[in-house]
Amino acid sequence: SDRLLSPGQGREKIESLRDSARGR
């Protein structure tokens, strides 16, 4: 929760979760 909502790097975090979802 803290790292996901910490300020900055929003695009990189979204892309990270998207890639993690692709790998289940």
PDB file of all heavy atoms in Angstrom:
ATOM      1  N   SER A   1       0.824  -1.216   0.000  1.00  0.00           N
ATOM      2  CA  SER A   1       0.000   0.000   0.000  1.00  0.00           C
ATOM      3  C   SER A   1       0.855   1.262   0.000  1.00  0.00           C
ATOM      4  O   SER A   1       0.586   2.203  -0.754  1.00  0.00           O
ATOM      5  CB  SER A   1      -0.940  -0.009   1.208  1.00  0.00           C
ATOM      6  OG  SER A   1      -0.207  -0.116   2.417  1.00  0.00           O
ATOM      7  N   ASP A   2       1.899   1.307   0.825  1.00  0.00           N
ATOM      8  CA  ASP A   2       2.719   2.514   0.910  1.00  0.00           C
ATOM      9  C   ASP A   2       3.497   2.755  -0.381  1.00  0.00           C
ATOM     10  O   ASP A   2       3.554   3.884  -0.885  1.00  0.00           O
ATOM     11  CB  ASP A   2       3.707   2.423   2.075  1.00  0.00           C
ATOM     12  CG  ASP A   2       2.998   2.441   3.424  1.00  0.00           C
ATOM     13  OD1 ASP A   2       1.774   2.681   3.440  1.00  0.00           O
ATOM     14  OD2 ASP A   2       3.665   2.198   4.443  1.00  0.00           O
ATOM     15  N   ARG A   3       4.095   1.719  -0.907  1.00  0.00           N
ATOM     16  CA  ARG A   3       4.908   1.908  -2.106  1.00  0.00           C
ATOM     17  C   ARG A   3       4.052   2.189  -3.338  1.00  0.00           C
ATOM     18  O   ARG A   3       4.445   2.950  -4.211  1.00  0.00           O
ATOM     19  CB  ARG A   3       5.791   0.686  -2.337  1.00  0.00           C
ATOM     20  CG  ARG A   3       6.878   0.521  -1.283  1.00  0.00           C
ATOM     21  CD  ARG A   3       7.644   1.845  -1.088  1.00  0.00           C
ATOM     22  NE  ARG A   3       8.613   1.803  -0.023  1.00  0.00           N
ATOM     23  CZ  ARG A   3       9.912   1.535  -0.207  1.00  0.00           C
ATOM     24  NH1 ARG A   3      10.356   1.271  -1.413  1.00  0.00           N
ATOM     25  NH2 ARG A   3      10.734   1.544   0.808  1.00  0.00           N
ATOM     26  N   LEU A   4       2.880   1.580  -3.412  1.00  0.00           N
ATOM     27  CA  LEU A   4       2.025   1.807  -4.572  1.00  0.00           C
ATOM     28  C   LEU A   4       1.539   3.245  -4.610  1.00  0.00           C
ATOM     29  O   LEU A   4       1.489   3.876  -5.676  1.00  0.00           O
ATOM     30  CB  LEU A   4       0.832   0.856  -4.546  1.00  0.00           C
ATOM     31  CG  LEU A   4      -0.146   0.985  -5.727  1.00  0.00           C
ATOM     32  CD1 LEU A   4       0.553   0.663  -7.039  1.00  0.00           C
ATOM     33  CD2 LEU A   4      -1.341   0.067  -5.523  1.00  0.00           C
ATOM     34  N   LEU A   5       1.174   3.803  -3.463  1.00  0.00           N
ATOM     35  CA  LEU A   5       0.588   5.139  -3.433  1.00  0.00           C
ATOM     36  C   LEU A   5       1.596   6.226  -3.081  1.00  0.00           C
ATOM     37  O   LEU A   5       1.213   7.389  -2.927  1.00  0.00           O
ATOM     38  CB  LEU A   5      -0.568   5.172  -2.429  1.00  0.00           C
ATOM     39  CG  LEU A   5      -1.747   4.249  -2.754  1.00  0.00           C
ATOM     40  CD1 LEU A   5      -2.835   4.395  -1.705  1.00  0.00           C
ATOM     41  CD2 LEU A   5      -2.293   4.518  -4.137  1.00  0.00           C
ATOM     42  N   SER A   6       2.867   5.887  -2.972  1.00  0.00           N
ATOM     43  CA  SER A   6       3.864   6.918  -2.701  1.00  0.00           C
ATOM     44  C   SER A   6       3.961   7.865  -3.890  1.00  0.00           C
ATOM     45  O   SER A   6       3.707   7.480  -5.032  1.00  0.00           O
ATOM     46  CB  SER A   6       5.231   6.272  -2.421  1.00  0.00           C
ATOM     47  OG  SER A   6       5.663   5.532  -3.547  1.00  0.00           O
ATOM     48  N   PRO A   7       4.305   9.134  -3.649  1.00  0.00           N
ATOM     49  CA  PRO A   7       4.327  10.119  -4.749  1.00  0.00           C
ATOM     50  C   PRO A   7       5.331   9.740  -5.837  1.00  0.00           C
ATOM     51  O   PRO A   7       6.382   9.162  -5.575  1.00  0.00           O
ATOM     52  CB  PRO A   7       4.753  11.416  -4.036  1.00  0.00           C
ATOM     53  CG  PRO A   7       4.403  11.208  -2.603  1.00  0.00           C
ATOM     54  CD  PRO A   7       4.609   9.744  -2.347  1.00  0.00           C
ATOM     55  N   GLY A   8       4.970  10.112  -7.073  1.00  0.00           N
ATOM     56  CA  GLY A   8       5.873   9.935  -8.203  1.00  0.00           C
ATOM     57  C   GLY A   8       5.841   8.550  -8.813  1.00  0.00           C
ATOM     58  O   GLY A   8       5.285   7.605  -8.249  1.00  0.00           O
ATOM     59  N   GLN A   9       6.418   8.446 -10.001  1.00  0.00           N
ATOM     60  CA  GLN A   9       6.603   7.188 -10.731  1.00  0.00           C
ATOM     61  C   GLN A   9       5.281   6.457 -10.974  1.00  0.00           C
ATOM     62  O   GLN A   9       5.235   5.227 -11.005  1.00  0.00           O
ATOM     63  CB  GLN A   9       7.569   6.274  -9.962  1.00  0.00           C
ATOM     64  CG  GLN A   9       8.930   6.899  -9.734  1.00  0.00           C
ATOM     65  CD  GLN A   9       9.766   6.128  -8.734  1.00  0.00           C
ATOM     66  OE1 GLN A   9       9.328   5.869  -7.613  1.00  0.00           O
ATOM     67  NE2 GLN A   9      10.975   5.751  -9.140  1.00  0.00           N
ATOM     68  N   GLY A  10       4.219   7.233 -11.178  1.00  0.00           N
ATOM     69  CA  GLY A  10       2.902   6.630 -11.373  1.00  0.00           C
ATOM     70  C   GLY A  10       2.841   5.731 -12.584  1.00  0.00           C
ATOM     71  O   GLY A  10       2.304   4.618 -12.519  1.00  0.00           O
ATOM     72  N   ARG A  11       3.394   6.198 -13.714  1.00  0.00           N
ATOM     73  CA  ARG A  11       3.343   5.382 -14.926  1.00  0.00           C
ATOM     74  C   ARG A  11       4.108   4.081 -14.728  1.00  0.00           C
ATOM     75  O   ARG A  11       3.644   3.008 -15.120  1.00  0.00           O
ATOM     76  CB  ARG A  11       3.924   6.159 -16.107  1.00  0.00           C
ATOM     77  CG  ARG A  11       3.981   5.361 -17.420  1.00  0.00           C
ATOM     78  CD  ARG A  11       4.473   6.230 -18.562  1.00  0.00           C
ATOM     79  NE  ARG A  11       5.813   6.701 -18.330  1.00  0.00           N
ATOM     80  CZ  ARG A  11       6.920   6.046 -18.681  1.00  0.00           C
ATOM     81  NH1 ARG A  11       6.821   4.853 -19.250  1.00  0.00           N
ATOM     82  NH2 ARG A  11       8.122   6.556 -18.464  1.00  0.00           N
ATOM     83  N   GLU A  12       5.289   4.156 -14.116  1.00  0.00           N
ATOM     84  CA  GLU A  12       6.099   2.952 -13.924  1.00  0.00           C
ATOM     85  C   GLU A  12       5.392   1.950 -13.013  1.00  0.00           C
ATOM     86  O   GLU A  12       5.453   0.732 -13.239  1.00  0.00           O
ATOM     87  CB  GLU A  12       7.461   3.318 -13.341  1.00  0.00           C
ATOM     88  CG  GLU A  12       8.373   4.094 -14.282  1.00  0.00           C
ATOM     89  CD  GLU A  12       8.117   5.599 -14.239  1.00  0.00           C
ATOM     90  OE1 GLU A  12       7.096   6.005 -13.623  1.00  0.00           O
ATOM     91  OE2 GLU A  12       8.924   6.355 -14.807  1.00  0.00           O
ATOM     92  N   LYS A  13       4.703   2.430 -11.979  1.00  0.00           N
ATOM     93  CA  LYS A  13       3.982   1.529 -11.074  1.00  0.00           C
ATOM     94  C   LYS A  13       2.813   0.857 -11.782  1.00  0.00           C
ATOM     95  O   LYS A  13       2.573  -0.349 -11.609  1.00  0.00           O
ATOM     96  CB  LYS A  13       3.484   2.306  -9.857  1.00  0.00           C
ATOM     97  CG  LYS A  13       4.596   2.844  -8.974  1.00  0.00           C
ATOM     98  CD  LYS A  13       4.023   3.756  -7.900  1.00  0.00           C
ATOM     99  CE  LYS A  13       5.113   4.453  -7.126  1.00  0.00           C
ATOM    100  NZ  LYS A  13       4.559   5.427  -6.152  1.00  0.00           N
ATOM    101  N   ILE A  14       2.088   1.633 -12.580  1.00  0.00           N
ATOM    102  CA  ILE A  14       0.973   1.057 -13.335  1.00  0.00           C
ATOM    103  C   ILE A  14       1.479  -0.011 -14.299  1.00  0.00           C
ATOM    104  O   ILE A  14       0.898  -1.096 -14.410  1.00  0.00           O
ATOM    105  CB  ILE A  14       0.219   2.170 -14.090  1.00  0.00           C
ATOM    106  CG1 ILE A  14      -0.488   3.088 -13.090  1.00  0.00           C
ATOM    107  CG2 ILE A  14      -0.787   1.574 -15.073  1.00  0.00           C
ATOM    108  CD1 ILE A  14      -1.059   4.346 -13.713  1.00  0.00           C
ATOM    109  N   GLU A  15       2.568   0.283 -14.991  1.00  0.00           N
ATOM    110  CA  GLU A  15       3.133  -0.697 -15.926  1.00  0.00           C
ATOM    111  C   GLU A  15       3.633  -1.935 -15.190  1.00  0.00           C
ATOM    112  O   GLU A  15       3.511  -3.064 -15.692  1.00  0.00           O
ATOM    113  CB  GLU A  15       4.260  -0.051 -16.732  1.00  0.00           C
ATOM    114  CG  GLU A  15       3.776   1.003 -17.729  1.00  0.00           C
ATOM    115  CD  GLU A  15       4.916   1.685 -18.441  1.00  0.00           C
ATOM    116  OE1 GLU A  15       6.094   1.496 -18.017  1.00  0.00           O
ATOM    117  OE2 GLU A  15       4.661   2.401 -19.429  1.00  0.00           O
ATOM    118  N   SER A  16       4.190  -1.747 -13.994  1.00  0.00           N
ATOM    119  CA  SER A  16       4.672  -2.885 -13.210  1.00  0.00           C
ATOM    120  C   SER A  16       3.519  -3.815 -12.852  1.00  0.00           C
ATOM    121  O   SER A  16       3.618  -5.047 -13.011  1.00  0.00           O
ATOM    122  CB  SER A  16       5.372  -2.391 -11.942  1.00  0.00           C
ATOM    123  OG  SER A  16       5.676  -3.465 -11.080  1.00  0.00           O
ATOM    124  N   LEU A  17       2.408  -3.248 -12.362  1.00  0.00           N
ATOM    125  CA  LEU A  17       1.257  -4.081 -12.010  1.00  0.00           C
ATOM    126  C   LEU A  17       0.649  -4.738 -13.237  1.00  0.00           C
ATOM    127  O   LEU A  17       0.197  -5.889 -13.185  1.00  0.00           O
ATOM    128  CB  LEU A  17       0.213  -3.241 -11.281  1.00  0.00           C
ATOM    129  CG  LEU A  17       0.606  -2.767  -9.876  1.00  0.00           C
ATOM    130  CD1 LEU A  17      -0.515  -1.949  -9.272  1.00  0.00           C
ATOM    131  CD2 LEU A  17       0.942  -3.954  -8.972  1.00  0.00           C
ATOM    132  N   ARG A  18       0.630  -4.024 -14.350  1.00  0.00           N
ATOM    133  CA  ARG A  18       0.114  -4.619 -15.591  1.00  0.00           C
ATOM    134  C   ARG A  18       0.955  -5.824 -15.991  1.00  0.00           C
ATOM    135  O   ARG A  18       0.411  -6.883 -16.336  1.00  0.00           O
ATOM    136  CB  ARG A  18       0.125  -3.573 -16.706  1.00  0.00           C
ATOM    137  CG  ARG A  18      -0.344  -4.093 -18.065  1.00  0.00           C
ATOM    138  CD  ARG A  18       0.215  -3.228 -19.182  1.00  0.00           C
ATOM    139  NE  ARG A  18       1.673  -3.265 -19.193  1.00  0.00           N
ATOM    140  CZ  ARG A  18       2.434  -2.412 -19.877  1.00  0.00           C
ATOM    141  NH1 ARG A  18       1.886  -1.432 -20.557  1.00  0.00           N
ATOM    142  NH2 ARG A  18       3.756  -2.522 -19.863  1.00  0.00           N
ATOM    143  N   ASP A  19       2.280  -5.673 -15.949  1.00  0.00           N
ATOM    144  CA  ASP A  19       3.157  -6.791 -16.304  1.00  0.00           C
ATOM    145  C   ASP A  19       3.016  -7.933 -15.305  1.00  0.00           C
ATOM    146  O   ASP A  19       3.045  -9.112 -15.687  1.00  0.00           O
ATOM    147  CB  ASP A  19       4.611  -6.326 -16.367  1.00  0.00           C
ATOM    148  CG  ASP A  19       4.861  -5.365 -17.528  1.00  0.00           C
ATOM    149  OD1 ASP A  19       4.025  -5.320 -18.458  1.00  0.00           O
ATOM    150  OD2 ASP A  19       5.876  -4.642 -17.487  1.00  0.00           O
ATOM    151  N   SER A  20       2.863  -7.610 -14.034  1.00  0.00           N
ATOM    152  CA  SER A  20       2.666  -8.659 -13.028  1.00  0.00           C
ATOM    153  C   SER A  20       1.368  -9.412 -13.277  1.00  0.00           C
ATOM    154  O   SER A  20       1.293 -10.632 -13.092  1.00  0.00           O
ATOM    155  CB  SER A  20       2.667  -8.050 -11.625  1.00  0.00           C
ATOM    156  OG  SER A  20       3.947  -7.551 -11.284  1.00  0.00           O
ATOM    157  N   ALA A  21       0.326  -8.693 -13.692  1.00  0.00           N
ATOM    158  CA  ALA A  21      -0.945  -9.346 -14.002  1.00  0.00           C
ATOM    159  C   ALA A  21      -0.807 -10.289 -15.185  1.00  0.00           C
ATOM    160  O   ALA A  21      -1.408 -11.371 -15.206  1.00  0.00           O
ATOM    161  CB  ALA A  21      -2.021  -8.302 -14.279  1.00  0.00           C
ATOM    162  N   ARG A  22      -0.030  -9.922 -16.182  1.00  0.00           N
ATOM    163  CA  ARG A  22       0.179 -10.797 -17.340  1.00  0.00           C
ATOM    164  C   ARG A  22       0.840 -12.106 -16.929  1.00  0.00           C
ATOM    165  O   ARG A  22       0.570 -13.154 -17.514  1.00  0.00           O
ATOM    166  CB  ARG A  22       1.038 -10.075 -18.382  1.00  0.00           C
ATOM    167  CG  ARG A  22       0.316  -8.929 -19.083  1.00  0.00           C
ATOM    168  CD  ARG A  22       1.258  -8.153 -19.978  1.00  0.00           C
ATOM    169  NE  ARG A  22       0.573  -7.115 -20.718  1.00  0.00           N
ATOM    170  CZ  ARG A  22       1.173  -6.180 -21.445  1.00  0.00           C
ATOM    171  NH1 ARG A  22       2.504  -6.155 -21.504  1.00  0.00           N
ATOM    172  NH2 ARG A  22       0.466  -5.272 -22.085  1.00  0.00           N
ATOM    173  N   GLY A  23       1.720 -12.044 -15.930  1.00  0.00           N
ATOM    174  CA  GLY A  23       2.365 -13.247 -15.429  1.00  0.00           C
ATOM    175  C   GLY A  23       1.599 -13.924 -14.314  1.00  0.00           C
ATOM    176  O   GLY A  23       2.100 -14.857 -13.701  1.00  0.00           O
ATOM    177  N   ARG A  24       0.378 -13.414 -14.012  1.00  0.00           N
ATOM    178  CA  ARG A  24      -0.504 -13.939 -12.968  1.00  0.00           C
ATOM    179  C   ARG A  24       0.126 -13.846 -11.577  1.00  0.00           C
ATOM    180  O   ARG A  24      -0.053 -14.701 -10.716  1.00  0.00           O
ATOM    181  CB  ARG A  24      -0.941 -15.365 -13.290  1.00  0.00           C
ATOM    182  CG  ARG A  24      -1.935 -15.411 -14.465  1.00  0.00           C
ATOM    183  CD  ARG A  24      -2.201 -16.831 -14.929  1.00  0.00           C
ATOM    184  NE  ARG A  24      -2.794 -17.658 -13.917  1.00  0.00           N
ATOM    185  CZ  ARG A  24      -4.112 -17.784 -13.683  1.00  0.00           C
ATOM    186  NH1 ARG A  24      -4.979 -17.092 -14.389  1.00  0.00           N
ATOM    187  NH2 ARG A  24      -4.559 -18.611 -12.757  1.00  0.00           N
TER     188      ARG A  24
END
